[in-house]
Amino acid sequence: MKLLLDTCVWSGAVDQLRSAGHDVIWVGNWTEDPGDDAVMAFAYSEQRIVITIDKDFGELAVLRGMPHHGIVRIVNFSAKRHGDVSLEVLKLHGVELLTGALVTAEPGRIRIRPPESKETAPVKEVNQSQVRKLDDSELLSEKNWQRAVIEAIEELPNDIRESVGYSPPTARTMDVTVSVEPIDLDDERESHVARIEITWWWTMREKGWPAEFEDIYGLGGIKEEQADWPIITLHSPASNCEYGQFPGRADVASLKGEVQLAILEEMWCGGGLSLVTKDKQGRFKRFDGSPILEWQFSEEDET
């Protein structure tokens, strides 16, 4: 099949899909990202299925009626699972995708919006027996999310882990601390301890969302049901980024990956403690070129 992988899809998935015989273009190899509209138009012009983790492509198709040749959205899987999940979805629902379906894959569930569907059309849920291969990681829960955060820290390389700590967790909160120190003597930024705030919310409605997302999560929104799901949020002050994972739907590996990325982002924004840098694909490396998170790199990248 002809595929177009969005830049947010793990680069290692490219080789996995090509090895399975698919014709793959990855937007991450382009000199610049032209934006979702242009990516969607390009994929349509070449009759390629779009694979993404971004909900915007589905909204372009459903709300704005942009033509496409099928869209796969991967939700709440760790980056290193993107290739496996894509292959399984293409195997199960390739025919439907080729006719223009929208397929959303998340742990334990696959949803399919047929090509003729509009915003109000029903969405088909696939029988659970068909998605067992997507479920090889423990699902997040109230009982295991704090353990997942601690494991994420413990699994970091030694030189990174030495600069990371965490506060005693409460029932709903846990802070991860990151010692940040610029490595360049001419860097005017001061050494400090950054804090990543991790919070359990009983519902997304309790947490709230920016006003611009009211049409999505508010009354009558296309994702209104998600407003009543529990959510775990990670807030990184230095990078001003916020991430979210849905317990009961996201797996433990996904939260661990988000925690590790948030820690490295804080280090990178703070000036490069432990020689943290990024390559052109946004993956974290040391200044000697060695990868920090092995799961961000395909086997071919590491050789």
Protein backbone atom coordinates (compact mmCIF):
# COMPACT_ATOMS: atom_id res chain seq x y z
CA MET A 1 0.00 0.00 0.00
CA LYS A 2 1.05 3.61 -0.54
CA LEU A 3 1.44 5.38 2.79
CA LEU A 4 2.27 8.87 4.03
CA LEU A 5 3.51 9.01 7.62
CA ASP A 6 3.06 12.28 9.46
CA THR A 7 6.16 13.79 11.06
CA CYS A 8 4.83 12.87 14.54
CA VAL A 9 4.96 9.14 13.73
CA TRP A 10 8.11 7.41 15.02
CA SER A 11 10.83 7.25 12.36
CA GLY A 12 11.45 3.58 13.14
CA ALA A 13 8.00 2.76 11.77
CA VAL A 14 9.19 3.75 8.29
CA ASP A 15 11.58 0.80 8.00
CA GLN A 16 9.08 -1.60 9.54
CA LEU A 17 6.42 -0.69 7.00
CA ARG A 18 8.85 -0.74 4.08
CA SER A 19 10.12 -4.15 5.13
CA ALA A 20 6.53 -5.37 4.95
CA GLY A 21 6.35 -4.23 1.33
CA HIS A 22 4.61 -0.89 1.70
CA ASP A 23 5.51 2.24 -0.30
CA VAL A 24 6.25 4.80 2.45
CA ILE A 25 6.93 8.53 2.51
CA TRP A 26 7.70 10.12 5.89
CA VAL A 27 7.07 13.86 6.29
CA GLY A 28 9.93 13.97 8.80
CA ASN A 29 12.34 13.62 5.88
CA TRP A 30 11.03 16.76 4.19
CA THR A 31 13.03 19.98 4.62
CA GLU A 32 10.02 21.56 6.34
CA ASP A 33 6.53 20.59 7.43
CA PRO A 34 4.10 22.45 5.12
CA GLY A 35 1.14 22.06 7.47
CA ASP A 36 -1.70 19.58 7.75
CA ASP A 37 -3.71 20.94 4.81
CA ALA A 38 -0.78 20.60 2.40
CA VAL A 39 0.18 17.17 3.74
CA MET A 40 -3.39 15.95 3.31
CA ALA A 41 -3.59 17.35 -0.23
CA PHE A 42 -0.28 15.73 -1.18
CA ALA A 43 -1.36 12.35 0.19
CA TYR A 44 -4.62 12.58 -1.78
CA SER A 45 -2.80 13.52 -4.99
CA GLU A 46 -0.60 10.41 -4.66
CA GLN A 47 -3.42 8.15 -3.40
CA ARG A 48 -1.63 7.53 -0.10
CA ILE A 49 -3.14 6.52 3.23
CA VAL A 50 -2.19 9.02 5.96
CA ILE A 51 -0.87 7.58 9.24
CA THR A 52 -0.70 10.04 12.12
CA ILE A 53 -1.19 10.58 15.85
CA ASP A 54 -2.69 14.00 15.18
CA LYS A 55 -6.48 14.40 15.41
CA ASP A 56 -6.39 17.36 13.01
CA PHE A 57 -6.37 15.17 9.89
CA GLY A 58 -9.64 13.54 10.90
CA GLU A 59 -11.15 16.95 11.54
CA LEU A 60 -10.02 18.16 8.12
CA ALA A 61 -11.77 15.16 6.57
CA VAL A 62 -14.95 15.17 8.64
CA LEU A 63 -15.56 18.84 9.41
CA ARG A 64 -14.10 20.44 6.28
CA GLY A 65 -14.71 17.63 3.86
CA MET A 66 -11.16 17.48 2.49
CA PRO A 67 -10.76 14.49 0.14
CA HIS A 68 -8.44 11.68 1.18
CA HIS A 69 -7.60 8.05 0.51
CA GLY A 70 -7.85 6.82 4.10
CA ILE A 71 -6.53 8.01 7.46
CA VAL A 72 -5.12 5.97 10.36
CA ARG A 73 -4.82 7.72 13.71
CA ILE A 74 -2.75 6.00 16.41
CA VAL A 75 -3.83 7.02 19.92
CA ASN A 76 -2.09 6.42 23.26
CA PHE A 77 0.60 4.00 22.07
CA SER A 78 4.27 4.54 22.81
CA ALA A 79 6.36 5.68 19.84
CA LYS A 80 8.13 2.36 19.46
CA ARG A 81 4.73 0.67 18.91
CA HIS A 82 3.75 2.88 15.94
CA GLY A 83 5.07 0.45 13.34
CA ASP A 84 3.47 -2.65 14.87
CA VAL A 85 0.12 -0.94 15.33
CA SER A 86 0.15 0.45 11.77
CA LEU A 87 0.89 -2.98 10.32
CA GLU A 88 -1.91 -4.61 12.29
CA VAL A 89 -4.43 -1.93 11.28
CA LEU A 90 -3.45 -2.21 7.61
CA LYS A 91 -3.77 -5.98 7.83
CA LEU A 92 -7.23 -5.85 9.43
CA HIS A 93 -8.71 -2.85 7.63
CA GLY A 94 -6.61 -2.11 4.55
CA VAL A 95 -9.55 -2.60 2.19
CA GLU A 96 -11.72 -0.13 4.09
CA LEU A 97 -8.88 2.39 4.22
CA LEU A 98 -8.36 2.19 0.46
CA THR A 99 -11.99 3.23 0.01
CA GLY A 100 -11.48 6.29 2.23
CA ALA A 101 -12.29 5.15 5.76
CA LEU A 102 -10.97 6.81 8.92
CA VAL A 103 -9.55 4.30 11.41
CA THR A 104 -8.65 5.18 15.00
CA ALA A 105 -6.52 2.60 16.85
CA GLU A 106 -6.09 2.78 20.61
CA PRO A 107 -5.26 0.13 23.22
CA GLY A 108 -8.11 -2.38 23.26
CA ARG A 109 -10.21 -0.66 20.61
CA ILE A 110 -10.36 0.15 16.91
CA ARG A 111 -13.01 2.54 15.57
CA ILE A 112 -13.89 2.87 11.90
CA ARG A 113 -15.69 5.76 10.22
CA PRO A 114 -16.83 4.59 6.77
CA PRO A 115 -15.88 6.79 3.79
CA GLU A 116 -19.42 8.00 3.17
CA SER A 117 -19.77 9.15 6.78
CA LYS A 118 -20.17 12.77 7.76
CA GLU A 119 -19.91 14.36 11.18
CA THR A 120 -23.13 12.77 12.49
CA ALA A 121 -22.65 9.33 10.96
CA PRO A 122 -22.21 6.29 13.24
CA VAL A 123 -18.76 4.95 13.99
CA LYS A 124 -18.24 1.18 13.99
CA GLU A 125 -16.35 -0.42 16.86
CA VAL A 126 -14.37 -3.54 15.96
CA ASN A 127 -14.84 -6.75 17.93
CA GLN A 128 -12.34 -6.94 20.80
CA SER A 129 -10.98 -10.29 19.62
CA GLN A 130 -9.55 -8.51 16.55
CA VAL A 131 -7.39 -6.08 18.53
CA ARG A 132 -5.60 -8.34 21.02
CA LYS A 133 -2.30 -7.84 19.24
CA LEU A 134 -2.52 -4.14 20.10
CA ASP A 135 -2.77 -4.95 23.81
CA ASP A 136 0.63 -6.30 24.91
CA SER A 137 1.16 -3.57 27.53
CA GLU A 138 -0.62 -3.09 30.84
CA LEU A 139 -3.31 -0.41 30.70
CA LEU A 140 -2.93 2.67 32.89
CA SER A 141 -5.00 2.79 36.06
CA GLU A 142 -5.33 4.65 39.33
CA LYS A 143 -3.25 1.89 40.93
CA ASN A 144 -0.26 1.79 38.57
CA TRP A 145 0.32 5.26 37.13
CA GLN A 146 2.71 6.41 39.88
CA ARG A 147 4.71 3.19 39.57
CA ALA A 148 4.94 3.85 35.83
CA VAL A 149 6.43 7.31 36.50
CA ILE A 150 9.06 5.87 38.85
CA GLU A 151 9.94 3.11 36.36
CA ALA A 152 10.31 5.71 33.60
CA ILE A 153 12.91 7.51 35.69
CA GLU A 154 14.73 4.32 36.70
CA GLU A 155 14.97 3.19 33.07
CA LEU A 156 16.79 6.34 31.96
CA PRO A 157 20.54 6.07 31.22
CA ASN A 158 22.69 6.52 34.34
CA ASP A 159 24.12 9.90 33.31
CA ILE A 160 20.61 11.30 32.85
CA ARG A 161 19.01 9.61 35.85
CA GLU A 162 21.53 11.17 38.24
CA SER A 163 19.93 14.57 37.59
CA VAL A 164 16.33 13.44 38.07
CA GLY A 165 14.29 12.97 41.22
CA TYR A 166 10.67 12.88 42.30
CA SER A 167 8.54 14.04 45.21
CA PRO A 168 6.61 11.69 47.50
CA PRO A 169 3.40 11.06 45.57
CA THR A 170 -0.04 11.93 46.87
CA ALA A 171 -3.21 10.21 45.70
CA ARG A 172 -3.51 12.54 42.71
CA THR A 173 -0.19 14.33 42.19
CA MET A 174 3.47 13.62 41.71
CA ASP A 175 6.29 16.00 40.79
CA VAL A 176 9.41 15.01 38.87
CA THR A 177 12.41 17.27 39.44
CA VAL A 178 15.15 17.86 36.89
CA SER A 179 18.47 19.58 37.66
CA VAL A 180 19.16 21.91 34.77
CA GLU A 181 22.48 23.64 34.17
CA PRO A 182 23.70 25.34 30.97
CA ILE A 183 26.91 23.74 29.70
CA ASP A 184 28.09 26.85 27.86
CA LEU A 185 29.86 29.34 30.14
CA ASP A 186 28.53 32.18 27.97
CA ASP A 187 24.95 31.02 28.43
CA GLU A 188 23.19 33.62 30.59
CA ARG A 189 20.55 31.20 31.84
CA GLU A 190 21.02 30.21 35.49
CA SER A 191 21.20 26.74 36.95
CA HIS A 192 17.90 25.68 38.45
CA VAL A 193 15.70 22.74 39.29
CA ALA A 194 12.81 22.28 36.87
CA ARG A 195 9.62 20.61 37.94
CA ILE A 196 7.29 18.45 35.85
CA GLU A 197 3.84 18.36 37.39
CA ILE A 198 1.95 15.08 36.93
CA THR A 199 -1.70 15.04 37.97
CA TRP A 200 -4.54 12.53 37.99
CA TRP A 201 -7.92 14.06 37.12
CA TRP A 202 -11.10 12.10 37.62
CA THR A 203 -12.51 13.60 34.42
CA MET A 204 -11.15 15.75 31.64
CA ARG A 205 -14.03 18.12 32.44
CA GLU A 206 -12.57 18.64 35.92
CA LYS A 207 -9.23 19.55 34.35
CA GLY A 208 -10.78 21.84 31.77
CA TRP A 209 -9.49 22.77 28.32
CA PRO A 210 -8.62 25.95 26.39
CA ALA A 211 -11.58 27.87 24.96
CA GLU A 212 -10.55 27.03 21.40
CA PHE A 213 -11.26 23.33 22.09
CA GLU A 214 -14.82 23.89 23.33
CA ASP A 215 -16.24 22.85 19.95
CA ILE A 216 -14.40 19.54 20.27
CA TYR A 217 -14.91 18.55 23.93
CA GLY A 218 -17.87 20.73 24.91
CA LEU A 219 -21.58 19.96 24.61
CA GLY A 220 -22.25 18.60 21.14
CA GLY A 221 -18.53 18.42 20.26
CA ILE A 222 -17.17 15.58 18.17
CA LYS A 223 -15.22 14.28 21.20
CA GLU A 224 -17.73 15.21 23.89
CA GLU A 225 -17.58 11.72 25.42
CA GLN A 226 -13.90 12.18 26.26
CA ALA A 227 -14.77 15.05 28.62
CA ASP A 228 -15.95 12.46 31.15
CA TRP A 229 -12.90 10.20 30.87
CA PRO A 230 -10.21 10.27 33.58
CA ILE A 231 -6.93 11.78 32.39
CA ILE A 232 -3.32 12.01 33.59
CA THR A 233 -1.60 15.26 32.61
CA LEU A 234 2.08 16.17 32.53
CA HIS A 235 2.92 19.86 32.58
CA SER A 236 6.45 21.00 31.73
CA PRO A 237 6.96 24.65 32.72
CA ALA A 238 10.25 25.30 30.88
CA SER A 239 9.02 23.98 27.56
CA ASN A 240 5.45 25.16 28.30
CA CYS A 241 4.17 21.81 27.06
CA GLU A 242 1.32 19.73 28.41
CA TYR A 243 0.72 16.07 27.62
CA GLY A 244 -2.20 13.80 28.47
CA GLN A 245 -2.88 10.07 28.72
CA PHE A 246 -6.27 8.43 29.29
CA PRO A 247 -6.24 5.69 31.98
CA GLY A 248 -8.07 2.55 30.90
CA ARG A 249 -7.25 3.34 27.27
CA ALA A 250 -3.57 4.33 27.20
CA ASP A 251 -0.98 1.78 28.27
CA VAL A 252 1.78 2.03 30.87
CA ALA A 253 4.46 2.19 28.16
CA SER A 254 2.86 5.31 26.70
CA LEU A 255 2.97 7.21 30.01
CA LYS A 256 6.56 6.10 30.63
CA GLY A 257 7.57 7.40 27.21
CA GLU A 258 5.87 10.74 27.82
CA VAL A 259 7.64 11.13 31.19
CA GLN A 260 11.05 10.41 29.67
CA LEU A 261 10.47 12.86 26.81
CA ALA A 262 9.28 15.56 29.23
CA ILE A 263 12.43 15.13 31.36
CA LEU A 264 14.75 15.45 28.35
CA GLU A 265 12.78 18.41 27.02
CA GLU A 266 13.33 20.23 30.32
CA MET A 267 17.07 19.49 30.14
CA TRP A 268 17.28 20.62 26.54
CA CYS A 269 15.34 23.84 27.18
CA GLY A 270 17.55 24.58 30.18
CA GLY A 271 20.76 24.65 28.18
CA GLY A 272 21.93 21.09 27.74
CA LEU A 273 22.73 19.36 31.03
CA SER A 274 24.37 15.98 30.34
CA LEU A 275 25.03 17.21 26.79
CA VAL A 276 21.41 16.76 25.69
CA THR A 277 20.68 17.88 22.16
CA LYS A 278 18.23 17.03 19.37
CA ASP A 279 18.69 15.87 15.81
CA LYS A 280 16.73 17.31 12.88
CA GLN A 281 13.96 14.79 13.53
CA GLY A 282 13.52 15.97 17.12
CA ARG A 283 15.07 12.88 18.71
CA PHE A 284 17.27 13.29 21.77
CA LYS A 285 21.00 12.63 21.48
CA ARG A 286 24.18 13.44 23.34
CA PHE A 287 26.62 15.80 21.67
CA ASP A 288 28.75 12.82 20.64
CA GLY A 289 25.81 11.60 18.56
CA SER A 290 24.83 8.65 20.75
CA PRO A 291 21.08 8.16 21.32
CA ILE A 292 19.63 8.74 24.78
CA LEU A 293 16.31 6.92 24.37
CA GLU A 294 16.96 3.81 22.30
CA TRP A 295 13.27 3.41 21.46
CA GLN A 296 13.33 6.69 19.50
CA PHE A 297 15.68 5.15 16.95
CA SER A 298 15.25 2.31 14.50
CA GLU A 299 17.85 -0.45 14.27
CA GLU A 300 19.11 1.03 11.00
CA ASP A 301 19.65 4.42 12.68
CA GLU A 302 21.80 2.84 15.37
CA THR A 303 24.18 1.02 13.02
